[in-house]
């Protein structure tokens, strides 16, 4: 199964998701969107398949969303998309796409919903928090 991860290596959640995918035995296509940026059709397609709106995909913490006035509910989806195209960091991450669907994988354990196989148990995030216990059961985040 081909997996594409829209990845920001500066983000711990994004690093954890990438490691989950690789530890599960997949070789994902890694899209460094902070370098490549986004296109409007790309974002619209990802959001549509994921079943989320631009507002739901907007990164509100550790971003300039508030400074740009994007937290104001009067800003329409088109305005949010314009800002996301100009400032890729405004898109929450990581977004993972594969044959099983598209998800904004925050928290990182959400990616398990897309994978046919999981990493060997137990599995812990980079901060040591256990995500999959010794019995192979997913733990709440």
N, C-alpha and C. Protein backbone atom coordinates (compact mmCIF):
# COMPACT_ATOMS: atom_id res chain seq x y z
N UNK A 1 0.85 -1.18 0.00
CA UNK A 1 0.00 0.00 0.00
C UNK A 1 0.89 1.24 0.00
N UNK A 2 0.64 2.13 -0.95
CA UNK A 2 1.40 3.38 -0.98
C UNK A 2 0.82 4.35 0.05
N UNK A 3 1.71 4.98 0.79
CA UNK A 3 1.32 5.95 1.80
C UNK A 3 2.08 7.24 1.51
N UNK A 4 1.35 8.36 1.56
CA UNK A 4 1.97 9.67 1.38
C UNK A 4 1.76 10.44 2.68
N UNK A 5 2.85 10.99 3.20
CA UNK A 5 2.75 11.81 4.40
C UNK A 5 3.25 13.21 4.07
N UNK A 6 2.39 14.19 4.35
CA UNK A 6 2.76 15.59 4.21
C UNK A 6 3.38 15.97 5.55
N UNK A 7 4.70 16.10 5.55
CA UNK A 7 5.52 16.04 6.75
C UNK A 7 6.27 17.34 7.01
N UNK A 8 6.30 17.71 8.29
CA UNK A 8 7.15 18.82 8.74
C UNK A 8 8.11 18.24 9.77
N UNK A 9 9.40 18.09 9.44
CA UNK A 9 10.34 17.46 10.36
C UNK A 9 10.55 18.23 11.65
N UNK A 10 10.14 19.50 11.70
CA UNK A 10 10.26 20.29 12.93
C UNK A 10 9.15 19.99 13.92
N UNK A 11 8.16 19.21 13.52
CA UNK A 11 6.98 18.91 14.34
C UNK A 11 7.10 17.52 14.95
N UNK A 12 7.02 17.44 16.28
CA UNK A 12 7.11 16.15 16.97
C UNK A 12 6.01 15.19 16.56
N UNK A 13 4.78 15.67 16.41
CA UNK A 13 3.68 14.80 15.99
C UNK A 13 3.96 14.24 14.60
N UNK A 14 4.44 15.08 13.71
CA UNK A 14 4.75 14.64 12.36
C UNK A 14 5.87 13.59 12.36
N UNK A 15 6.89 13.82 13.19
CA UNK A 15 7.99 12.84 13.31
C UNK A 15 7.47 11.51 13.85
N UNK A 16 6.59 11.57 14.85
CA UNK A 16 6.03 10.34 15.42
C UNK A 16 5.23 9.57 14.38
N UNK A 17 4.40 10.28 13.61
CA UNK A 17 3.58 9.61 12.59
C UNK A 17 4.47 8.96 11.54
N UNK A 18 5.48 9.67 11.09
CA UNK A 18 6.39 9.09 10.10
C UNK A 18 7.07 7.84 10.66
N UNK A 19 7.47 7.89 11.91
CA UNK A 19 8.13 6.73 12.52
C UNK A 19 7.14 5.57 12.69
N UNK A 20 5.89 5.85 13.05
CA UNK A 20 4.89 4.79 13.15
C UNK A 20 4.76 4.08 11.80
N UNK A 21 4.62 4.87 10.74
CA UNK A 21 4.45 4.30 9.39
C UNK A 21 5.65 3.43 9.03
N UNK A 22 6.85 3.96 9.24
CA UNK A 22 8.06 3.20 8.89
C UNK A 22 8.23 1.97 9.77
N UNK A 23 7.97 2.11 11.07
CA UNK A 23 8.10 0.97 11.98
C UNK A 23 7.08 -0.12 11.68
N UNK A 24 5.98 0.24 11.04
CA UNK A 24 4.97 -0.73 10.63
C UNK A 24 5.39 -1.46 9.35
N UNK A 25 6.50 -1.04 8.76
CA UNK A 25 7.02 -1.72 7.58
C UNK A 25 6.72 -1.06 6.25
N UNK A 26 6.18 0.13 6.28
CA UNK A 26 5.87 0.86 5.05
C UNK A 26 7.02 1.79 4.68
N UNK A 27 7.12 2.07 3.39
CA UNK A 27 8.11 3.02 2.88
C UNK A 27 7.33 4.19 2.26
N UNK A 28 6.96 5.16 3.08
CA UNK A 28 6.07 6.22 2.59
C UNK A 28 6.76 7.22 1.67
N UNK A 29 5.95 7.86 0.87
CA UNK A 29 6.39 9.03 0.11
C UNK A 29 6.29 10.19 1.08
N UNK A 30 7.39 10.87 1.31
CA UNK A 30 7.42 11.99 2.25
C UNK A 30 7.41 13.30 1.47
N UNK A 31 6.40 14.09 1.70
CA UNK A 31 6.26 15.38 1.03
C UNK A 31 6.64 16.47 2.04
N UNK A 32 7.78 17.13 1.84
CA UNK A 32 8.20 18.19 2.76
C UNK A 32 7.49 19.50 2.44
N UNK A 33 6.21 19.58 2.80
CA UNK A 33 5.37 20.68 2.34
C UNK A 33 5.86 22.05 2.78
N UNK A 34 6.68 22.11 3.82
CA UNK A 34 7.21 23.40 4.24
C UNK A 34 8.18 23.93 3.17
N UNK A 35 8.79 23.02 2.41
CA UNK A 35 9.69 23.40 1.32
C UNK A 35 8.94 23.52 -0.01
N UNK A 36 8.05 22.59 -0.27
CA UNK A 36 7.37 22.55 -1.57
C UNK A 36 6.15 23.45 -1.64
N UNK A 37 5.56 23.72 -0.46
CA UNK A 37 4.32 24.49 -0.43
C UNK A 37 3.14 23.61 -0.82
N UNK A 38 2.01 24.25 -0.99
CA UNK A 38 0.77 23.57 -1.35
C UNK A 38 0.21 24.21 -2.62
N UNK A 39 -0.68 23.49 -3.27
CA UNK A 39 -1.50 24.09 -4.32
C UNK A 39 -2.94 24.09 -3.82
N UNK A 40 -3.73 25.00 -4.33
CA UNK A 40 -5.14 25.06 -3.92
C UNK A 40 -5.86 23.74 -4.22
N UNK A 41 -5.73 23.18 -5.45
CA UNK A 41 -6.41 21.91 -5.71
C UNK A 41 -5.94 20.78 -4.79
N UNK A 42 -4.66 20.79 -4.46
CA UNK A 42 -4.13 19.76 -3.57
C UNK A 42 -4.79 19.85 -2.19
N UNK A 43 -4.81 21.05 -1.61
CA UNK A 43 -5.43 21.22 -0.30
C UNK A 43 -6.93 20.91 -0.35
N UNK A 44 -7.59 21.40 -1.38
CA UNK A 44 -9.03 21.16 -1.48
C UNK A 44 -9.32 19.66 -1.57
N UNK A 45 -8.53 18.93 -2.34
CA UNK A 45 -8.73 17.48 -2.48
C UNK A 45 -8.44 16.76 -1.17
N UNK A 46 -7.32 17.10 -0.53
CA UNK A 46 -6.98 16.45 0.75
C UNK A 46 -8.07 16.70 1.79
N UNK A 47 -8.51 17.95 1.91
CA UNK A 47 -9.53 18.28 2.90
C UNK A 47 -10.85 17.58 2.57
N UNK A 48 -11.21 17.53 1.29
CA UNK A 48 -12.48 16.90 0.90
C UNK A 48 -12.47 15.41 1.25
N UNK A 49 -11.40 14.72 0.90
CA UNK A 49 -11.33 13.28 1.17
C UNK A 49 -11.25 13.02 2.67
N UNK A 50 -10.55 13.89 3.40
CA UNK A 50 -10.45 13.73 4.85
C UNK A 50 -11.74 14.13 5.56
N UNK A 51 -12.63 14.83 4.85
CA UNK A 51 -13.88 15.25 5.45
C UNK A 51 -13.71 16.38 6.45
N UNK A 52 -12.74 17.26 6.17
CA UNK A 52 -12.51 18.40 7.05
C UNK A 52 -12.56 19.69 6.24
N UNK A 53 -12.78 20.77 6.92
CA UNK A 53 -12.83 22.09 6.30
C UNK A 53 -11.47 22.77 6.47
N UNK A 54 -11.19 23.80 5.69
CA UNK A 54 -9.97 24.55 5.92
C UNK A 54 -9.85 25.05 7.37
N UNK A 55 -10.96 25.45 7.96
CA UNK A 55 -10.90 25.92 9.36
C UNK A 55 -10.47 24.79 10.29
N UNK A 56 -10.97 23.58 10.05
CA UNK A 56 -10.58 22.44 10.88
C UNK A 56 -9.12 22.06 10.67
N UNK A 57 -8.58 22.38 9.51
CA UNK A 57 -7.18 22.06 9.20
C UNK A 57 -6.23 23.19 9.57
N UNK A 58 -6.77 24.30 10.01
CA UNK A 58 -5.94 25.46 10.34
C UNK A 58 -5.15 25.21 11.62
N UNK A 59 -3.86 25.40 11.54
CA UNK A 59 -3.03 25.29 12.74
C UNK A 59 -3.16 26.59 13.51
N UNK A 60 -3.73 26.49 14.70
CA UNK A 60 -4.00 27.69 15.47
C UNK A 60 -2.95 27.94 16.55
N UNK A 61 -2.25 26.89 16.97
CA UNK A 61 -1.20 27.09 17.97
C UNK A 61 0.16 27.07 17.29
N UNK A 62 1.08 27.80 17.85
CA UNK A 62 2.44 27.87 17.32
C UNK A 62 2.45 28.23 15.83
N UNK A 63 1.54 29.10 15.46
CA UNK A 63 1.49 29.61 14.08
C UNK A 63 1.09 31.07 14.15
N UNK A 64 1.03 31.71 13.01
CA UNK A 64 0.67 33.13 12.95
C UNK A 64 -0.82 33.33 12.63
N UNK A 65 -1.62 32.29 12.85
CA UNK A 65 -3.05 32.37 12.51
C UNK A 65 -3.73 33.53 13.22
N UNK A 66 -3.46 33.70 14.49
CA UNK A 66 -4.10 34.79 15.24
C UNK A 66 -3.60 36.14 14.73
N UNK A 67 -2.29 36.25 14.52
CA UNK A 67 -1.70 37.49 14.02
C UNK A 67 -2.31 37.90 12.67
N UNK A 68 -2.60 36.92 11.83
CA UNK A 68 -3.17 37.19 10.51
C UNK A 68 -4.69 37.39 10.56
N UNK A 69 -5.28 37.28 11.74
CA UNK A 69 -6.72 37.46 11.88
C UNK A 69 -7.54 36.27 11.42
N UNK A 70 -6.90 35.11 11.29
CA UNK A 70 -7.58 33.94 10.74
C UNK A 70 -8.47 33.22 11.75
N UNK A 71 -8.35 33.56 13.02
CA UNK A 71 -9.20 32.93 14.03
C UNK A 71 -10.59 33.55 14.05
N UNK A 72 -10.73 34.70 13.40
CA UNK A 72 -12.03 35.37 13.29
C UNK A 72 -12.94 34.49 12.41
N UNK A 73 -14.08 34.11 12.94
CA UNK A 73 -14.98 33.21 12.21
C UNK A 73 -15.56 33.83 10.95
N UNK A 74 -15.38 35.14 10.77
CA UNK A 74 -15.88 35.77 9.55
C UNK A 74 -14.96 35.50 8.35
N UNK A 75 -13.76 34.99 8.61
CA UNK A 75 -12.84 34.64 7.51
C UNK A 75 -13.37 33.36 6.86
N UNK A 76 -13.67 33.46 5.59
CA UNK A 76 -14.24 32.32 4.86
C UNK A 76 -13.16 31.32 4.44
N UNK A 77 -13.61 30.15 4.00
CA UNK A 77 -12.68 29.09 3.59
C UNK A 77 -11.69 29.57 2.53
N UNK A 78 -12.16 30.38 1.58
CA UNK A 78 -11.27 30.85 0.52
C UNK A 78 -10.13 31.70 1.10
N UNK A 79 -10.45 32.52 2.09
CA UNK A 79 -9.43 33.33 2.74
C UNK A 79 -8.44 32.47 3.52
N UNK A 80 -8.94 31.43 4.16
CA UNK A 80 -8.06 30.51 4.87
C UNK A 80 -7.14 29.79 3.90
N UNK A 81 -7.71 29.33 2.78
CA UNK A 81 -6.89 28.66 1.77
C UNK A 81 -5.82 29.60 1.21
N UNK A 82 -6.18 30.84 0.94
CA UNK A 82 -5.20 31.81 0.46
C UNK A 82 -4.03 31.93 1.44
N UNK A 83 -4.36 32.04 2.73
CA UNK A 83 -3.32 32.18 3.75
C UNK A 83 -2.46 30.91 3.84
N UNK A 84 -3.09 29.74 3.72
CA UNK A 84 -2.36 28.47 3.77
C UNK A 84 -1.41 28.32 2.60
N UNK A 85 -1.82 28.83 1.45
CA UNK A 85 -0.95 28.77 0.27
C UNK A 85 0.26 29.68 0.44
N UNK A 86 0.03 30.83 1.04
CA UNK A 86 1.12 31.78 1.25
C UNK A 86 2.02 31.37 2.42
N UNK A 87 1.43 30.73 3.43
CA UNK A 87 2.17 30.33 4.64
C UNK A 87 1.86 28.87 4.94
N UNK A 88 2.59 27.93 4.34
CA UNK A 88 2.30 26.50 4.50
C UNK A 88 2.21 26.02 5.95
N UNK A 89 2.89 26.70 6.86
CA UNK A 89 2.88 26.31 8.27
C UNK A 89 1.48 26.42 8.87
N UNK A 90 0.58 27.14 8.24
CA UNK A 90 -0.78 27.30 8.75
C UNK A 90 -1.63 26.04 8.60
N UNK A 91 -1.15 25.07 7.84
CA UNK A 91 -1.88 23.80 7.70
C UNK A 91 -1.41 22.88 8.82
N UNK A 92 -2.37 22.41 9.60
CA UNK A 92 -2.02 21.49 10.67
C UNK A 92 -1.47 20.21 10.07
N UNK A 93 -0.66 19.52 10.81
CA UNK A 93 0.05 18.38 10.26
C UNK A 93 0.16 17.28 11.29
N UNK A 94 0.55 16.12 10.77
CA UNK A 94 0.75 15.73 9.38
C UNK A 94 -0.56 15.25 8.75
N UNK A 95 -0.62 15.35 7.45
CA UNK A 95 -1.73 14.79 6.69
C UNK A 95 -1.20 13.55 5.99
N UNK A 96 -1.90 12.43 6.18
CA UNK A 96 -1.48 11.16 5.60
C UNK A 96 -2.57 10.69 4.64
N UNK A 97 -2.13 10.25 3.46
CA UNK A 97 -3.05 9.76 2.45
C UNK A 97 -2.62 8.36 2.00
N UNK A 98 -3.59 7.47 1.85
CA UNK A 98 -3.32 6.13 1.34
C UNK A 98 -4.63 5.54 0.83
N UNK A 99 -4.60 4.30 0.40
CA UNK A 99 -5.80 3.67 -0.13
C UNK A 99 -6.92 3.58 0.90
N UNK A 100 -6.57 3.61 2.17
CA UNK A 100 -7.58 3.52 3.23
C UNK A 100 -8.17 4.86 3.62
N UNK A 101 -7.72 5.95 2.99
CA UNK A 101 -8.28 7.26 3.27
C UNK A 101 -7.24 8.33 3.47
N UNK A 102 -7.71 9.48 3.89
CA UNK A 102 -6.86 10.64 4.19
C UNK A 102 -7.25 11.12 5.58
N UNK A 103 -6.25 11.40 6.40
CA UNK A 103 -6.52 11.90 7.75
C UNK A 103 -5.49 12.94 8.14
N UNK A 104 -5.97 13.92 8.89
CA UNK A 104 -5.09 14.81 9.62
C UNK A 104 -4.72 14.02 10.88
N UNK A 105 -3.48 13.60 10.98
CA UNK A 105 -3.07 12.67 12.03
C UNK A 105 -2.55 13.38 13.26
N UNK A 106 -3.46 14.02 13.93
CA UNK A 106 -3.19 14.73 15.18
C UNK A 106 -4.32 14.38 16.12
N UNK A 107 -4.08 13.66 17.19
CA UNK A 107 -2.79 13.18 17.67
C UNK A 107 -2.23 12.07 16.78
N UNK A 108 -0.98 11.75 17.03
CA UNK A 108 -0.24 10.85 16.14
C UNK A 108 -0.87 9.47 16.01
N UNK A 109 -1.55 8.98 17.02
CA UNK A 109 -2.15 7.65 16.95
C UNK A 109 -3.25 7.53 15.93
N UNK A 110 -3.77 8.64 15.44
CA UNK A 110 -4.82 8.62 14.41
C UNK A 110 -4.35 7.86 13.17
N UNK A 111 -3.05 7.90 12.90
CA UNK A 111 -2.54 7.23 11.71
C UNK A 111 -2.80 5.72 11.76
N UNK A 112 -2.93 5.15 12.94
CA UNK A 112 -3.18 3.72 13.06
C UNK A 112 -4.49 3.33 12.40
N UNK A 113 -5.45 4.26 12.34
CA UNK A 113 -6.73 4.00 11.67
C UNK A 113 -6.56 3.73 10.18
N UNK A 114 -5.47 4.23 9.61
CA UNK A 114 -5.24 4.08 8.17
C UNK A 114 -4.40 2.85 7.81
N UNK A 115 -3.69 2.31 8.78
CA UNK A 115 -2.71 1.27 8.50
C UNK A 115 -3.30 -0.13 8.61
N UNK A 116 -2.97 -0.98 7.64
CA UNK A 116 -3.40 -2.37 7.69
C UNK A 116 -2.58 -3.17 8.70
N UNK A 117 -1.36 -2.73 8.93
CA UNK A 117 -0.51 -3.37 9.95
C UNK A 117 0.13 -2.28 10.79
N UNK A 118 0.35 -2.60 12.05
CA UNK A 118 0.91 -1.65 13.01
C UNK A 118 2.34 -2.00 13.34
N UNK A 119 3.06 -1.07 13.95
CA UNK A 119 4.42 -1.39 14.41
C UNK A 119 4.36 -2.48 15.47
N UNK A 120 5.45 -3.20 15.63
CA UNK A 120 5.48 -4.23 16.69
C UNK A 120 5.27 -3.59 18.06
N UNK A 121 4.58 -4.33 18.91
CA UNK A 121 4.29 -3.87 20.27
C UNK A 121 5.46 -4.23 21.19
N UNK A 122 5.68 -3.45 22.21
CA UNK A 122 5.09 -2.16 22.49
C UNK A 122 5.71 -1.07 21.61
N UNK A 123 5.01 0.04 21.48
CA UNK A 123 5.53 1.15 20.67
C UNK A 123 5.27 2.45 21.43
N UNK A 124 6.34 3.27 21.54
CA UNK A 124 6.24 4.54 22.25
C UNK A 124 6.63 5.70 21.36
N UNK A 125 5.99 6.84 21.61
CA UNK A 125 6.32 8.07 20.89
C UNK A 125 7.71 8.55 21.34
N UNK A 126 8.24 9.53 20.63
CA UNK A 126 9.60 10.00 20.92
C UNK A 126 9.74 10.55 22.33
N UNK A 127 8.64 10.97 22.95
CA UNK A 127 8.72 11.46 24.33
C UNK A 127 8.59 10.33 25.36
N UNK A 128 8.49 9.10 24.87
CA UNK A 128 8.40 7.94 25.76
C UNK A 128 6.99 7.50 26.08
N UNK A 129 5.98 8.27 25.68
CA UNK A 129 4.59 7.91 25.94
C UNK A 129 4.21 6.68 25.12
N UNK A 130 3.71 5.67 25.80
CA UNK A 130 3.32 4.43 25.13
C UNK A 130 2.05 4.66 24.30
N UNK A 131 2.09 4.26 23.04
CA UNK A 131 0.94 4.37 22.15
C UNK A 131 0.30 3.00 21.92
N UNK A 132 1.15 1.97 21.82
CA UNK A 132 0.69 0.58 21.67
C UNK A 132 1.31 -0.20 22.81
N UNK A 133 0.46 -0.85 23.62
CA UNK A 133 1.00 -1.56 24.78
C UNK A 133 1.60 -2.92 24.41
N UNK A 134 2.09 -3.62 25.40
CA UNK A 134 2.77 -4.91 25.19
C UNK A 134 1.86 -5.94 24.54
N UNK A 135 0.54 -5.81 24.74
CA UNK A 135 -0.42 -6.73 24.16
C UNK A 135 -0.85 -6.32 22.75
N UNK A 136 -0.27 -5.24 22.23
CA UNK A 136 -0.61 -4.77 20.90
C UNK A 136 -1.88 -3.95 20.84
N UNK A 137 -2.35 -3.47 21.98
CA UNK A 137 -3.56 -2.65 22.01
C UNK A 137 -3.20 -1.18 22.01
N UNK A 138 -3.96 -0.43 21.24
CA UNK A 138 -3.76 1.02 21.15
C UNK A 138 -4.24 1.68 22.43
N UNK A 139 -3.41 2.59 22.93
CA UNK A 139 -3.74 3.32 24.15
C UNK A 139 -4.27 4.70 23.80
N UNK A 140 -5.13 5.24 24.66
CA UNK A 140 -5.65 6.59 24.38
C UNK A 140 -4.53 7.63 24.51
N UNK A 141 -4.64 8.69 23.72
CA UNK A 141 -3.64 9.76 23.77
C UNK A 141 -4.20 10.96 24.50
